[in-house]
Amino acid sequence: MPMKVLEATLSTFDEAFDKFQGEAANNRANLILFLADKDPTTNLSWCPDCVRAEPVIYEKLESSSDEIALLKAYVGDRPTWRSPQHPWRTDSTFKLRGVPTLIRWEDGAVKARLEDHEAHIDSKIDSLIS
């Protein structure tokens, strides 16, 4: 079954997240991937950890036979993300400390998470999915 992907920015997140949650019961796994924005001059993420983790995460999710929904949420450019007042850093649900962060969303809450230093590790991604 193909992976269902939604994308969101800071300004579109609430609407995308509502849709994501509304469809969550239809999926075996619901994941949220918080990522750094792409640099418009290079079309690559400004975050080296995101560049390293994204292909590994996508390969794992696409090869799964389970129905998986992925909400890709872009945190903004580097200055936006670095602000201690960034909405997802201060949010009591997500409490982001780094990007990328891959979250398993279950029953309306964060069930498990992989943070920037571990989001590229195959076995940890497998554990998060299953």
N, C-alpha and C. Protein backbone atom coordinates (compact mmCIF):
# COMPACT_ATOMS: atom_id res chain seq x y z
N MET A 1 0.83 -1.17 0.00
CA MET A 1 0.00 0.00 0.00
C MET A 1 0.88 1.24 0.00
N PRO A 2 0.61 2.20 -0.85
CA PRO A 2 1.47 3.38 -0.86
C PRO A 2 1.33 4.20 0.42
N MET A 3 2.43 4.82 0.76
CA MET A 3 2.44 5.69 1.93
C MET A 3 1.64 6.95 1.63
N LYS A 4 0.85 7.39 2.60
CA LYS A 4 0.10 8.64 2.46
C LYS A 4 0.94 9.76 3.05
N VAL A 5 1.17 10.81 2.27
CA VAL A 5 2.02 11.89 2.73
C VAL A 5 1.27 13.22 2.69
N LEU A 6 1.33 13.93 3.80
CA LEU A 6 0.84 15.30 3.88
C LEU A 6 2.05 16.17 4.20
N GLU A 7 2.05 17.40 3.69
CA GLU A 7 3.13 18.32 4.02
C GLU A 7 2.54 19.56 4.67
N ALA A 8 3.31 20.14 5.60
CA ALA A 8 2.84 21.34 6.31
C ALA A 8 4.02 22.23 6.64
N THR A 9 3.71 23.51 6.74
CA THR A 9 4.65 24.50 7.24
C THR A 9 4.09 25.01 8.57
N LEU A 10 4.80 25.90 9.19
CA LEU A 10 4.28 26.49 10.43
C LEU A 10 2.89 27.07 10.22
N SER A 11 2.70 27.75 9.09
CA SER A 11 1.41 28.43 8.87
C SER A 11 0.29 27.49 8.44
N THR A 12 0.61 26.32 7.89
CA THR A 12 -0.44 25.40 7.43
C THR A 12 -0.58 24.16 8.33
N PHE A 13 0.21 24.11 9.40
CA PHE A 13 0.26 22.89 10.21
C PHE A 13 -1.08 22.53 10.84
N ASP A 14 -1.77 23.48 11.44
CA ASP A 14 -3.00 23.15 12.15
C ASP A 14 -4.01 22.46 11.24
N GLU A 15 -4.18 22.98 10.05
CA GLU A 15 -5.13 22.38 9.10
C GLU A 15 -4.67 20.98 8.67
N ALA A 16 -3.39 20.84 8.34
CA ALA A 16 -2.86 19.54 7.93
C ALA A 16 -2.92 18.53 9.08
N PHE A 17 -2.62 18.98 10.29
CA PHE A 17 -2.64 18.11 11.46
C PHE A 17 -4.05 17.63 11.76
N ASP A 18 -5.04 18.49 11.60
CA ASP A 18 -6.44 18.08 11.79
C ASP A 18 -6.81 16.98 10.80
N LYS A 19 -6.41 17.14 9.54
CA LYS A 19 -6.68 16.12 8.53
C LYS A 19 -5.96 14.82 8.87
N PHE A 20 -4.69 14.93 9.24
CA PHE A 20 -3.86 13.78 9.63
C PHE A 20 -4.53 13.00 10.76
N GLN A 21 -4.96 13.71 11.80
CA GLN A 21 -5.61 13.05 12.94
C GLN A 21 -6.95 12.44 12.56
N GLY A 22 -7.67 13.11 11.67
CA GLY A 22 -8.97 12.61 11.24
C GLY A 22 -8.88 11.30 10.49
N GLU A 23 -7.75 11.05 9.84
CA GLU A 23 -7.56 9.82 9.07
C GLU A 23 -6.72 8.79 9.80
N ALA A 24 -6.26 9.09 11.00
CA ALA A 24 -5.32 8.23 11.72
C ALA A 24 -5.84 6.81 11.95
N ALA A 25 -7.13 6.66 12.21
CA ALA A 25 -7.67 5.33 12.50
C ALA A 25 -7.59 4.39 11.30
N ASN A 26 -7.42 4.94 10.10
CA ASN A 26 -7.35 4.12 8.89
C ASN A 26 -5.96 3.55 8.62
N ASN A 27 -4.97 3.91 9.43
CA ASN A 27 -3.58 3.54 9.15
C ASN A 27 -3.01 2.65 10.24
N ARG A 28 -2.07 1.83 9.84
CA ARG A 28 -1.37 0.97 10.81
C ARG A 28 -0.41 1.80 11.65
N ALA A 29 0.22 2.81 11.00
CA ALA A 29 1.14 3.69 11.72
C ALA A 29 0.95 5.12 11.22
N ASN A 30 1.01 6.05 12.14
CA ASN A 30 0.90 7.48 11.83
C ASN A 30 2.15 8.16 12.37
N LEU A 31 2.89 8.77 11.45
CA LEU A 31 4.17 9.36 11.81
C LEU A 31 4.20 10.84 11.43
N ILE A 32 4.89 11.61 12.24
CA ILE A 32 5.12 13.02 11.96
C ILE A 32 6.63 13.21 11.88
N LEU A 33 7.09 13.79 10.79
CA LEU A 33 8.51 14.05 10.60
C LEU A 33 8.72 15.56 10.56
N PHE A 34 9.38 16.08 11.58
CA PHE A 34 9.72 17.50 11.62
C PHE A 34 11.07 17.69 10.96
N LEU A 35 11.10 18.57 9.96
CA LEU A 35 12.28 18.77 9.13
C LEU A 35 12.62 20.24 9.00
N ALA A 36 13.87 20.50 8.64
CA ALA A 36 14.30 21.85 8.30
C ALA A 36 13.86 22.16 6.88
N ASP A 37 13.55 23.42 6.62
CA ASP A 37 13.20 23.86 5.27
C ASP A 37 14.38 23.68 4.32
N LYS A 38 14.08 23.67 3.04
CA LYS A 38 15.12 23.62 2.03
C LYS A 38 15.64 25.04 1.79
N ASP A 39 16.94 25.15 1.58
CA ASP A 39 17.56 26.42 1.23
C ASP A 39 17.21 26.71 -0.23
N PRO A 40 16.56 27.84 -0.52
CA PRO A 40 16.13 28.11 -1.90
C PRO A 40 17.28 28.21 -2.90
N THR A 41 18.48 28.51 -2.42
CA THR A 41 19.60 28.63 -3.36
C THR A 41 20.17 27.27 -3.77
N THR A 42 20.04 26.25 -2.92
CA THR A 42 20.58 24.92 -3.22
C THR A 42 19.51 23.85 -3.40
N ASN A 43 18.29 24.13 -2.95
CA ASN A 43 17.19 23.17 -2.92
C ASN A 43 17.49 21.97 -2.03
N LEU A 44 18.43 22.14 -1.12
CA LEU A 44 18.74 21.12 -0.12
C LEU A 44 18.41 21.68 1.25
N SER A 45 18.11 20.80 2.17
CA SER A 45 17.85 21.23 3.54
C SER A 45 19.08 21.92 4.10
N TRP A 46 18.87 22.95 4.92
CA TRP A 46 19.99 23.61 5.58
C TRP A 46 20.53 22.76 6.73
N CYS A 47 19.83 21.68 7.06
CA CYS A 47 20.17 20.83 8.20
C CYS A 47 20.87 19.54 7.72
N PRO A 48 22.16 19.37 8.03
CA PRO A 48 22.87 18.17 7.58
C PRO A 48 22.26 16.87 8.12
N ASP A 49 21.73 16.90 9.35
CA ASP A 49 21.11 15.69 9.90
C ASP A 49 19.85 15.30 9.12
N CYS A 50 19.11 16.31 8.63
CA CYS A 50 17.92 16.05 7.81
C CYS A 50 18.33 15.43 6.47
N VAL A 51 19.38 15.98 5.87
CA VAL A 51 19.87 15.46 4.60
C VAL A 51 20.27 13.99 4.75
N ARG A 52 20.88 13.65 5.88
CA ARG A 52 21.31 12.28 6.12
C ARG A 52 20.13 11.36 6.43
N ALA A 53 19.16 11.83 7.19
CA ALA A 53 18.08 10.97 7.67
C ALA A 53 16.94 10.79 6.67
N GLU A 54 16.59 11.83 5.94
CA GLU A 54 15.41 11.76 5.07
C GLU A 54 15.41 10.56 4.14
N PRO A 55 16.46 10.31 3.35
CA PRO A 55 16.40 9.17 2.43
C PRO A 55 16.22 7.83 3.14
N VAL A 56 16.86 7.68 4.30
CA VAL A 56 16.75 6.43 5.06
C VAL A 56 15.31 6.25 5.55
N ILE A 57 14.73 7.31 6.10
CA ILE A 57 13.36 7.25 6.61
C ILE A 57 12.39 6.91 5.48
N TYR A 58 12.50 7.63 4.35
CA TYR A 58 11.57 7.41 3.24
C TYR A 58 11.70 5.99 2.68
N GLU A 59 12.92 5.49 2.58
CA GLU A 59 13.11 4.13 2.07
C GLU A 59 12.44 3.11 2.99
N LYS A 60 12.63 3.28 4.29
CA LYS A 60 12.01 2.36 5.26
C LYS A 60 10.49 2.41 5.19
N LEU A 61 9.93 3.61 5.15
CA LEU A 61 8.48 3.75 5.14
C LEU A 61 7.88 3.24 3.83
N GLU A 62 8.52 3.53 2.71
CA GLU A 62 8.00 3.09 1.42
C GLU A 62 8.09 1.59 1.23
N SER A 63 9.04 0.94 1.90
CA SER A 63 9.19 -0.51 1.75
C SER A 63 8.28 -1.29 2.69
N SER A 64 7.63 -0.60 3.60
CA SER A 64 6.73 -1.28 4.55
C SER A 64 5.45 -1.71 3.83
N SER A 65 4.94 -2.86 4.21
CA SER A 65 3.67 -3.33 3.64
C SER A 65 2.47 -2.76 4.40
N ASP A 66 2.74 -2.13 5.53
CA ASP A 66 1.66 -1.55 6.34
C ASP A 66 1.20 -0.23 5.74
N GLU A 67 -0.06 0.11 6.06
CA GLU A 67 -0.56 1.42 5.66
C GLU A 67 0.01 2.45 6.63
N ILE A 68 0.80 3.36 6.09
CA ILE A 68 1.48 4.36 6.90
C ILE A 68 1.11 5.75 6.41
N ALA A 69 0.81 6.63 7.34
CA ALA A 69 0.59 8.04 7.02
C ALA A 69 1.75 8.83 7.58
N LEU A 70 2.27 9.76 6.77
CA LEU A 70 3.39 10.59 7.18
C LEU A 70 3.02 12.05 6.99
N LEU A 71 3.12 12.80 8.07
CA LEU A 71 2.95 14.25 8.01
C LEU A 71 4.35 14.86 8.10
N LYS A 72 4.79 15.47 6.99
CA LYS A 72 6.08 16.15 6.97
C LYS A 72 5.85 17.61 7.34
N ALA A 73 6.42 18.03 8.46
CA ALA A 73 6.23 19.38 8.97
C ALA A 73 7.56 20.13 8.93
N TYR A 74 7.58 21.21 8.17
CA TYR A 74 8.81 21.98 7.99
C TYR A 74 8.89 23.09 9.04
N VAL A 75 10.00 23.13 9.78
CA VAL A 75 10.15 24.03 10.92
C VAL A 75 10.52 25.46 10.53
N GLY A 76 10.92 25.67 9.30
CA GLY A 76 11.31 27.01 8.86
C GLY A 76 12.79 27.08 8.53
N ASP A 77 13.23 28.30 8.24
CA ASP A 77 14.65 28.49 7.94
C ASP A 77 15.44 28.44 9.24
N ARG A 78 16.76 28.48 9.12
CA ARG A 78 17.62 28.32 10.30
C ARG A 78 17.34 29.36 11.39
N PRO A 79 17.23 30.67 11.07
CA PRO A 79 16.95 31.63 12.14
C PRO A 79 15.59 31.39 12.82
N THR A 80 14.59 31.01 12.04
CA THR A 80 13.27 30.72 12.62
C THR A 80 13.37 29.56 13.59
N TRP A 81 14.04 28.47 13.17
CA TRP A 81 14.16 27.28 14.01
C TRP A 81 14.99 27.55 15.26
N ARG A 82 16.03 28.35 15.14
CA ARG A 82 16.94 28.60 16.27
C ARG A 82 16.29 29.41 17.40
N SER A 83 15.19 30.08 17.12
CA SER A 83 14.55 30.89 18.15
C SER A 83 14.03 30.00 19.28
N PRO A 84 14.36 30.34 20.53
CA PRO A 84 13.83 29.57 21.66
C PRO A 84 12.30 29.64 21.75
N GLN A 85 11.70 30.62 21.08
CA GLN A 85 10.25 30.77 21.10
C GLN A 85 9.58 30.08 19.90
N HIS A 86 10.33 29.27 19.16
CA HIS A 86 9.73 28.55 18.03
C HIS A 86 8.51 27.78 18.55
N PRO A 87 7.37 27.87 17.84
CA PRO A 87 6.13 27.25 18.35
C PRO A 87 6.24 25.76 18.66
N TRP A 88 7.03 25.02 17.91
CA TRP A 88 7.11 23.58 18.18
C TRP A 88 8.14 23.26 19.26
N ARG A 89 9.01 24.20 19.58
CA ARG A 89 9.91 24.02 20.73
C ARG A 89 9.12 24.22 22.02
N THR A 90 8.20 25.17 22.01
CA THR A 90 7.45 25.51 23.23
C THR A 90 6.14 24.73 23.36
N ASP A 91 5.75 24.02 22.31
CA ASP A 91 4.50 23.26 22.31
C ASP A 91 4.58 22.11 23.31
N SER A 92 3.60 22.00 24.20
CA SER A 92 3.63 20.97 25.24
C SER A 92 3.44 19.56 24.68
N THR A 93 2.91 19.44 23.47
CA THR A 93 2.73 18.12 22.86
C THR A 93 4.01 17.64 22.20
N PHE A 94 4.64 18.49 21.39
CA PHE A 94 5.77 18.04 20.58
C PHE A 94 7.13 18.26 21.23
N LYS A 95 7.31 19.35 21.96
CA LYS A 95 8.56 19.61 22.69
C LYS A 95 9.80 19.33 21.85
N LEU A 96 9.85 19.89 20.65
CA LEU A 96 10.99 19.62 19.77
C LEU A 96 12.27 20.23 20.31
N ARG A 97 13.35 19.46 20.17
CA ARG A 97 14.66 19.94 20.57
C ARG A 97 15.61 19.96 19.38
N GLY A 98 15.29 19.20 18.36
CA GLY A 98 16.17 19.12 17.19
C GLY A 98 15.41 18.64 15.98
N VAL A 99 16.03 18.82 14.83
CA VAL A 99 15.50 18.27 13.59
C VAL A 99 16.60 17.44 12.92
N PRO A 100 16.22 16.37 12.27
CA PRO A 100 14.87 15.86 12.15
C PRO A 100 14.41 15.18 13.44
N THR A 101 13.10 15.19 13.64
CA THR A 101 12.48 14.40 14.70
C THR A 101 11.34 13.62 14.06
N LEU A 102 11.37 12.31 14.25
CA LEU A 102 10.32 11.42 13.73
C LEU A 102 9.50 10.93 14.91
N ILE A 103 8.21 11.21 14.86
CA ILE A 103 7.31 10.89 15.97
C ILE A 103 6.27 9.87 15.52
N ARG A 104 6.04 8.88 16.35
CA ARG A 104 4.90 7.97 16.15
C ARG A 104 3.72 8.55 16.92
N TRP A 105 2.65 8.84 16.20
CA TRP A 105 1.45 9.45 16.77
C TRP A 105 0.40 8.36 16.94
N GLU A 106 -0.07 8.16 18.16
CA GLU A 106 -1.03 7.09 18.42
C GLU A 106 -2.02 7.53 19.50
N ASP A 107 -3.29 7.29 19.24
CA ASP A 107 -4.34 7.64 20.21
C ASP A 107 -4.26 9.10 20.66
N GLY A 108 -3.97 9.99 19.71
CA GLY A 108 -3.96 11.41 20.00
C GLY A 108 -2.78 11.91 20.81
N ALA A 109 -1.68 11.14 20.81
CA ALA A 109 -0.52 11.55 21.61
C ALA A 109 0.78 11.02 20.98
N VAL A 110 1.89 11.58 21.42
CA VAL A 110 3.21 11.09 21.01
C VAL A 110 3.44 9.76 21.71
N LYS A 111 3.59 8.70 20.91
CA LYS A 111 3.81 7.36 21.46
C LYS A 111 5.31 7.08 21.61
N ALA A 112 6.08 7.53 20.60
CA ALA A 112 7.53 7.31 20.61
C ALA A 112 8.16 8.34 19.67
N ARG A 113 9.47 8.53 19.79
CA ARG A 113 10.13 9.51 18.94
C ARG A 113 11.59 9.14 18.71
N LEU A 114 12.08 9.55 17.55
CA LEU A 114 13.51 9.49 17.23
C LEU A 114 13.95 10.92 16.98
N GLU A 115 15.01 11.32 17.64
CA GLU A 115 15.47 12.70 17.49
C GLU A 115 16.66 12.77 16.56
N ASP A 116 17.13 13.98 16.32
CA ASP A 116 18.12 14.27 15.29
C ASP A 116 19.30 13.30 15.24
N HIS A 117 19.87 12.94 16.37
CA HIS A 117 21.06 12.09 16.40
C HIS A 117 20.78 10.62 16.10
N GLU A 118 19.51 10.21 16.04
CA GLU A 118 19.18 8.79 15.84
C GLU A 118 18.16 8.56 14.73
N ALA A 119 17.68 9.62 14.10
CA ALA A 119 16.60 9.49 13.13
C ALA A 119 17.03 8.82 11.83
N HIS A 120 18.30 8.57 11.65
CA HIS A 120 18.80 7.94 10.42
C HIS A 120 19.14 6.45 10.62
N ILE A 121 18.93 5.92 11.80
CA ILE A 121 19.35 4.55 12.12
C ILE A 121 18.24 3.56 11.77
N ASP A 122 18.54 2.68 10.81
CA ASP A 122 17.57 1.70 10.29
C ASP A 122 16.81 0.98 11.39
N SER A 123 17.53 0.38 12.32
CA SER A 123 16.88 -0.46 13.33
C SER A 123 15.95 0.36 14.23
N LYS A 124 16.31 1.59 14.49
CA LYS A 124 15.46 2.44 15.34
C LYS A 124 14.20 2.86 14.58
N ILE A 125 14.33 3.10 13.28
CA ILE A 125 13.16 3.42 12.47
C ILE A 125 12.22 2.21 12.43
N ASP A 126 12.79 1.02 12.23
CA ASP A 126 11.99 -0.22 12.23
C ASP A 126 11.22 -0.37 13.53
N SER A 127 11.89 -0.13 14.65
CA SER A 127 11.25 -0.26 15.97
C SER A 127 10.12 0.75 16.13
N LEU A 128 10.32 1.95 15.63
CA LEU A 128 9.30 2.99 15.75
C LEU A 128 8.06 2.65 14.93
N ILE A 129 8.27 2.06 13.76
CA ILE A 129 7.16 1.71 12.88
C ILE A 129 6.34 0.56 13.45
N SER A 130 7.03 -0.45 13.99
CA SER A 130 6.32 -1.67 14.42
C SER A 130 5.81 -1.62 15.84
